[in-house]
Structure formats: structure tokens, C-alpha cells
Amino acid sequence: MDKEGTNTWRYAKAGAKVIVAISPEEVAIIKKTEMPLDSLDQMTALIKQEDLDIVFFEGFHRLIAKSADVPKIITAVDENGLKQTLEGTVEPILAIAGIVAQNSSSPTYGNIPIIKLPENGQKLVELVKKYLTQNKTA
């Protein structure tokens, strides 16, 4: 995440547990952990206090693919990568996006909507909203 040679990288190498980088448009907080984060529960525990409505995890396919309680937006570079990613991935799958979507002439892959970003980003937002509305927990 942090690039070698930057000030924040040097702070981490010097032993800082939390590093904060601030610019006029953003704040980045890097928290170092004592152990590898290798479960979805560990990752969500770290951000629970943030009171977020939605969290997007990029990557972590190995941890999330078989979780039926995690809605997924699948990305891939090409159709072979898409097939490989979908193999063993359980529902819910909300959409397919990324390079494979940009190169597709079809609106769906099986029953999964293909969303070209950024031009159809609002459609993806609506799919996520619809899923969240239909799956609210009390």
C-alpha cells in the first residue's frame, strides 16, 4: 500500500504503528498490524468503529468468494479470467465490471449484469442500493 522511499514508508520502517498522511483533499490513515489479516472477520473488526454503511474490499477473492453473506462485484481482464474468478464464487454476485466488461458487447453474462464503468456507474449504484434495500437486517 505504501511506496518505498516515501515519508510514510520511512515512518513505518522506523516503527510507527499508525501513520497519518494529510493533503488538502484527503486523509489517509495507515495502521500497522501485529499479524497478517487473513480473515474477513479480522478486516471488518478493524473498521467497525468507523460507522460505515458500505465497505468495498478490493481483491481478497480467496476470502470472499465462498461467503454467501457478502455481495460481490466481479472484475477481470478477459473472459478466461472471468470464468476462472466465477468458478467457485457463490451468490450474491451483483455485477461484472472492469476491463472484461468494457470489452463485452453483451449486457449480461448468464444472469449477471455487465456494467461498463464509468459511463454506467449509476446503474451499478442502483444495483447496490437495490440489493441493500432488499436485504436489510433488523
C-alpha atoms as a PDB file:
ATOM      1  CA  MET A   1       0.000   0.000   0.000  1.00  0.00           C
ATOM      2  CA  ASP A   2       2.713   2.452   0.987  1.00  0.00           C
ATOM      3  CA  LYS A   3       5.514   3.004  -1.512  1.00  0.00           C
ATOM      4  CA  GLU A   4       9.147   2.504  -0.640  1.00  0.00           C
ATOM      5  CA  GLY A   5      11.017   5.760  -0.182  1.00  0.00           C
ATOM      6  CA  THR A   6       8.055   7.930   0.850  1.00  0.00           C
ATOM      7  CA  ASN A   7       7.969   9.629   4.247  1.00  0.00           C
ATOM      8  CA  THR A   8       5.104   7.439   5.425  1.00  0.00           C
ATOM      9  CA  TRP A   9       7.073   4.345   4.394  1.00  0.00           C
ATOM     10  CA  ARG A  10      10.072   5.601   6.398  1.00  0.00           C
ATOM     11  CA  TYR A  11       7.861   6.229   9.449  1.00  0.00           C
ATOM     12  CA  ALA A  12       6.539   2.680   9.266  1.00  0.00           C
ATOM     13  CA  LYS A  13      10.060   1.271   8.917  1.00  0.00           C
ATOM     14  CA  ALA A  14      11.051   3.290  11.991  1.00  0.00           C
ATOM     15  CA  GLY A  15       8.322   1.508  13.980  1.00  0.00           C
ATOM     16  CA  ALA A  16       5.263   3.775  13.830  1.00  0.00           C
ATOM     17  CA  LYS A  17       2.054   1.785  14.445  1.00  0.00           C
ATOM     18  CA  VAL A  18      -0.245   4.467  12.956  1.00  0.00           C
ATOM     19  CA  ILE A  19       0.766   6.839  10.180  1.00  0.00           C
ATOM     20  CA  VAL A  20      -1.448   9.720   9.047  1.00  0.00           C
ATOM     21  CA  ALA A  21      -0.932  11.470   5.720  1.00  0.00           C
ATOM     22  CA  ILE A  22      -2.974  14.626   5.084  1.00  0.00           C
ATOM     23  CA  SER A  23      -3.442  16.657   1.930  1.00  0.00           C
ATOM     24  CA  PRO A  24      -5.998  19.367   1.098  1.00  0.00           C
ATOM     25  CA  GLU A  25      -8.341  16.745  -0.413  1.00  0.00           C
ATOM     26  CA  GLU A  26      -7.831  13.616   1.682  1.00  0.00           C
ATOM     27  CA  VAL A  27      -6.670  11.957   4.861  1.00  0.00           C
ATOM     28  CA  ALA A  28      -5.006   8.542   4.792  1.00  0.00           C
ATOM     29  CA  ILE A  29      -4.542   6.565   7.977  1.00  0.00           C
ATOM     30  CA  ILE A  30      -2.271   3.537   7.822  1.00  0.00           C
ATOM     31  CA  LYS A  31      -2.491   1.163  10.786  1.00  0.00           C
ATOM     32  CA  LYS A  32       0.198  -1.476  11.122  1.00  0.00           C
ATOM     33  CA  THR A  33      -0.890  -4.842  12.470  1.00  0.00           C
ATOM     34  CA  GLU A  34       0.970  -7.371  14.551  1.00  0.00           C
ATOM     35  CA  MET A  35      -0.322 -10.294  12.469  1.00  0.00           C
ATOM     36  CA  PRO A  36      -1.382 -10.901   8.890  1.00  0.00           C
ATOM     37  CA  LEU A  37      -5.014 -10.100   8.154  1.00  0.00           C
ATOM     38  CA  ASP A  38      -6.193 -13.372   6.699  1.00  0.00           C
ATOM     39  CA  SER A  39      -9.893 -13.434   7.509  1.00  0.00           C
ATOM     40  CA  LEU A  40     -12.848 -11.262   6.617  1.00  0.00           C
ATOM     41  CA  ASP A  41     -13.771 -11.027  10.305  1.00  0.00           C
ATOM     42  CA  GLN A  42     -10.336  -9.579  11.164  1.00  0.00           C
ATOM     43  CA  MET A  43     -10.597  -6.988   8.401  1.00  0.00           C
ATOM     44  CA  THR A  44     -14.107  -5.874   9.290  1.00  0.00           C
ATOM     45  CA  ALA A  45     -13.232  -5.688  13.007  1.00  0.00           C
ATOM     46  CA  LEU A  46     -10.585  -3.079  12.187  1.00  0.00           C
ATOM     47  CA  ILE A  47     -13.106  -0.753  10.551  1.00  0.00           C
ATOM     48  CA  LYS A  48     -16.253  -1.348  12.648  1.00  0.00           C
ATOM     49  CA  GLN A  49     -15.747   1.827  14.699  1.00  0.00           C
ATOM     50  CA  GLU A  50     -15.897   3.918  11.511  1.00  0.00           C
ATOM     51  CA  ASP A  51     -19.721   3.562  11.346  1.00  0.00           C
ATOM     52  CA  LEU A  52     -19.740   2.927   7.587  1.00  0.00           C
ATOM     53  CA  ASP A  53     -22.790   1.984   5.547  1.00  0.00           C
ATOM     54  CA  ILE A  54     -20.895   0.140   2.816  1.00  0.00           C
ATOM     55  CA  VAL A  55     -17.370  -1.258   2.616  1.00  0.00           C
ATOM     56  CA  PHE A  56     -15.790  -2.373  -0.661  1.00  0.00           C
ATOM     57  CA  PHE A  57     -12.941  -4.880  -0.394  1.00  0.00           C
ATOM     58  CA  GLU A  58     -10.784  -4.976  -3.494  1.00  0.00           C
ATOM     59  CA  GLY A  59      -9.082  -8.294  -4.033  1.00  0.00           C
ATOM     60  CA  PHE A  60      -9.352 -10.909  -1.274  1.00  0.00           C
ATOM     61  CA  HIS A  61     -11.138 -13.275  -3.653  1.00  0.00           C
ATOM     62  CA  ARG A  62      -9.848 -16.264  -1.684  1.00  0.00           C
ATOM     63  CA  LEU A  63     -11.548 -14.946   1.474  1.00  0.00           C
ATOM     64  CA  ILE A  64     -14.782 -13.642  -0.020  1.00  0.00           C
ATOM     65  CA  ALA A  65     -15.675 -15.965  -2.931  1.00  0.00           C
ATOM     66  CA  LYS A  66     -17.381 -18.572  -0.759  1.00  0.00           C
ATOM     67  CA  SER A  67     -19.147 -16.089   1.563  1.00  0.00           C
ATOM     68  CA  ALA A  68     -22.863 -16.109   0.829  1.00  0.00           C
ATOM     69  CA  ASP A  69     -23.349 -13.080   3.089  1.00  0.00           C
ATOM     70  CA  VAL A  70     -21.004 -10.851   1.030  1.00  0.00           C
ATOM     71  CA  PRO A  71     -22.383  -9.318  -2.193  1.00  0.00           C
ATOM     72  CA  LYS A  72     -19.782  -9.277  -4.956  1.00  0.00           C
ATOM     73  CA  ILE A  73     -18.872  -7.154  -7.965  1.00  0.00           C
ATOM     74  CA  ILE A  74     -16.628  -9.321 -10.123  1.00  0.00           C
ATOM     75  CA  THR A  75     -13.841  -7.834 -12.220  1.00  0.00           C
ATOM     76  CA  ALA A  76     -11.490  -9.495 -14.671  1.00  0.00           C
ATOM     77  CA  VAL A  77      -9.176  -8.613 -17.511  1.00  0.00           C
ATOM     78  CA  ASP A  78     -10.650 -11.055 -20.027  1.00  0.00           C
ATOM     79  CA  GLU A  79     -13.270 -13.783 -20.386  1.00  0.00           C
ATOM     80  CA  ASN A  80     -10.863 -16.535 -19.306  1.00  0.00           C
ATOM     81  CA  GLY A  81     -10.093 -14.602 -16.129  1.00  0.00           C
ATOM     82  CA  LEU A  82     -13.808 -14.034 -15.610  1.00  0.00           C
ATOM     83  CA  LYS A  83     -14.580 -17.751 -15.933  1.00  0.00           C
ATOM     84  CA  GLN A  84     -11.776 -18.569 -13.515  1.00  0.00           C
ATOM     85  CA  THR A  85     -12.965 -15.965 -10.995  1.00  0.00           C
ATOM     86  CA  LEU A  86     -16.591 -17.080 -11.191  1.00  0.00           C
ATOM     87  CA  GLU A  87     -15.642 -20.729 -10.668  1.00  0.00           C
ATOM     88  CA  GLY A  88     -16.384 -21.444  -7.037  1.00  0.00           C
ATOM     89  CA  THR A  89     -17.763 -17.952  -6.343  1.00  0.00           C
ATOM     90  CA  VAL A  90     -21.106 -18.133  -4.571  1.00  0.00           C
ATOM     91  CA  GLU A  91     -24.032 -15.748  -4.874  1.00  0.00           C
ATOM     92  CA  PRO A  92     -24.788 -12.949  -4.411  1.00  0.00           C
ATOM     93  CA  ILE A  93     -22.974 -11.585  -7.440  1.00  0.00           C
ATOM     94  CA  LEU A  94     -24.345  -8.119  -8.191  1.00  0.00           C
ATOM     95  CA  ALA A  95     -22.479  -7.345 -11.401  1.00  0.00           C
ATOM     96  CA  ILE A  96     -19.428  -7.795 -13.577  1.00  0.00           C
ATOM     97  CA  ALA A  97     -17.235  -4.738 -14.198  1.00  0.00           C
ATOM     98  CA  GLY A  98     -13.665  -3.922 -15.157  1.00  0.00           C
ATOM     99  CA  ILE A  99     -11.791  -4.478 -18.399  1.00  0.00           C
ATOM    100  CA  VAL A 100     -13.801  -7.586 -19.286  1.00  0.00           C
ATOM    101  CA  ALA A 101     -16.989  -5.503 -19.102  1.00  0.00           C
ATOM    102  CA  GLN A 102     -15.517  -2.740 -21.258  1.00  0.00           C
ATOM    103  CA  ASN A 103     -14.722  -5.314 -23.939  1.00  0.00           C
ATOM    104  CA  SER A 104     -18.115  -7.029 -23.819  1.00  0.00           C
ATOM    105  CA  SER A 105     -20.914  -6.382 -26.286  1.00  0.00           C
ATOM    106  CA  SER A 106     -23.472  -8.198 -24.123  1.00  0.00           C
ATOM    107  CA  PRO A 107     -25.494  -6.600 -21.295  1.00  0.00           C
ATOM    108  CA  THR A 108     -25.244  -9.787 -19.204  1.00  0.00           C
ATOM    109  CA  TYR A 109     -23.050 -12.809 -18.564  1.00  0.00           C
ATOM    110  CA  GLY A 110     -25.546 -15.558 -17.859  1.00  0.00           C
ATOM    111  CA  ASN A 111     -27.890 -13.779 -15.452  1.00  0.00           C
ATOM    112  CA  ILE A 112     -25.238 -11.348 -14.126  1.00  0.00           C
ATOM    113  CA  PRO A 113     -25.430  -7.739 -15.354  1.00  0.00           C
ATOM    114  CA  ILE A 114     -22.330  -6.398 -17.119  1.00  0.00           C
ATOM    115  CA  ILE A 115     -21.631  -2.792 -16.130  1.00  0.00           C
ATOM    116  CA  LYS A 116     -19.255  -0.589 -18.108  1.00  0.00           C
ATOM    117  CA  LEU A 117     -17.584   1.965 -15.868  1.00  0.00           C
ATOM    118  CA  PRO A 118     -17.507   4.880 -15.565  1.00  0.00           C
ATOM    119  CA  GLU A 119     -20.216   5.537 -18.168  1.00  0.00           C
ATOM    120  CA  ASN A 120     -22.798   3.272 -16.468  1.00  0.00           C
ATOM    121  CA  GLY A 121     -21.704   3.856 -12.896  1.00  0.00           C
ATOM    122  CA  GLN A 122     -25.169   4.997 -11.833  1.00  0.00           C
ATOM    123  CA  LYS A 123     -26.551   1.616 -12.876  1.00  0.00           C
ATOM    124  CA  LEU A 124     -24.048  -0.085 -10.550  1.00  0.00           C
ATOM    125  CA  VAL A 125     -25.011   2.282  -7.733  1.00  0.00           C
ATOM    126  CA  GLU A 126     -28.676   1.375  -8.282  1.00  0.00           C
ATOM    127  CA  LEU A 127     -27.888  -2.381  -8.212  1.00  0.00           C
ATOM    128  CA  VAL A 128     -26.045  -1.975  -4.907  1.00  0.00           C
ATOM    129  CA  LYS A 129     -28.868   0.152  -3.436  1.00  0.00           C
ATOM    130  CA  LYS A 130     -31.478  -2.375  -4.559  1.00  0.00           C
ATOM    131  CA  TYR A 131     -29.534  -5.249  -3.000  1.00  0.00           C
ATOM    132  CA  LEU A 132     -29.079  -3.380   0.283  1.00  0.00           C
ATOM    133  CA  THR A 133     -32.764  -2.383   0.408  1.00  0.00           C
ATOM    134  CA  GLN A 134     -33.954  -5.936  -0.253  1.00  0.00           C
ATOM    135  CA  ASN A 135     -31.522  -7.455   2.250  1.00  0.00           C
ATOM    136  CA  LYS A 136     -31.829  -5.092   5.225  1.00  0.00           C
ATOM    137  CA  THR A 137     -31.340  -6.727   8.582  1.00  0.00           C
ATOM    138  CA  ALA A 138     -33.327  -5.552  11.556  1.00  0.00           C
END
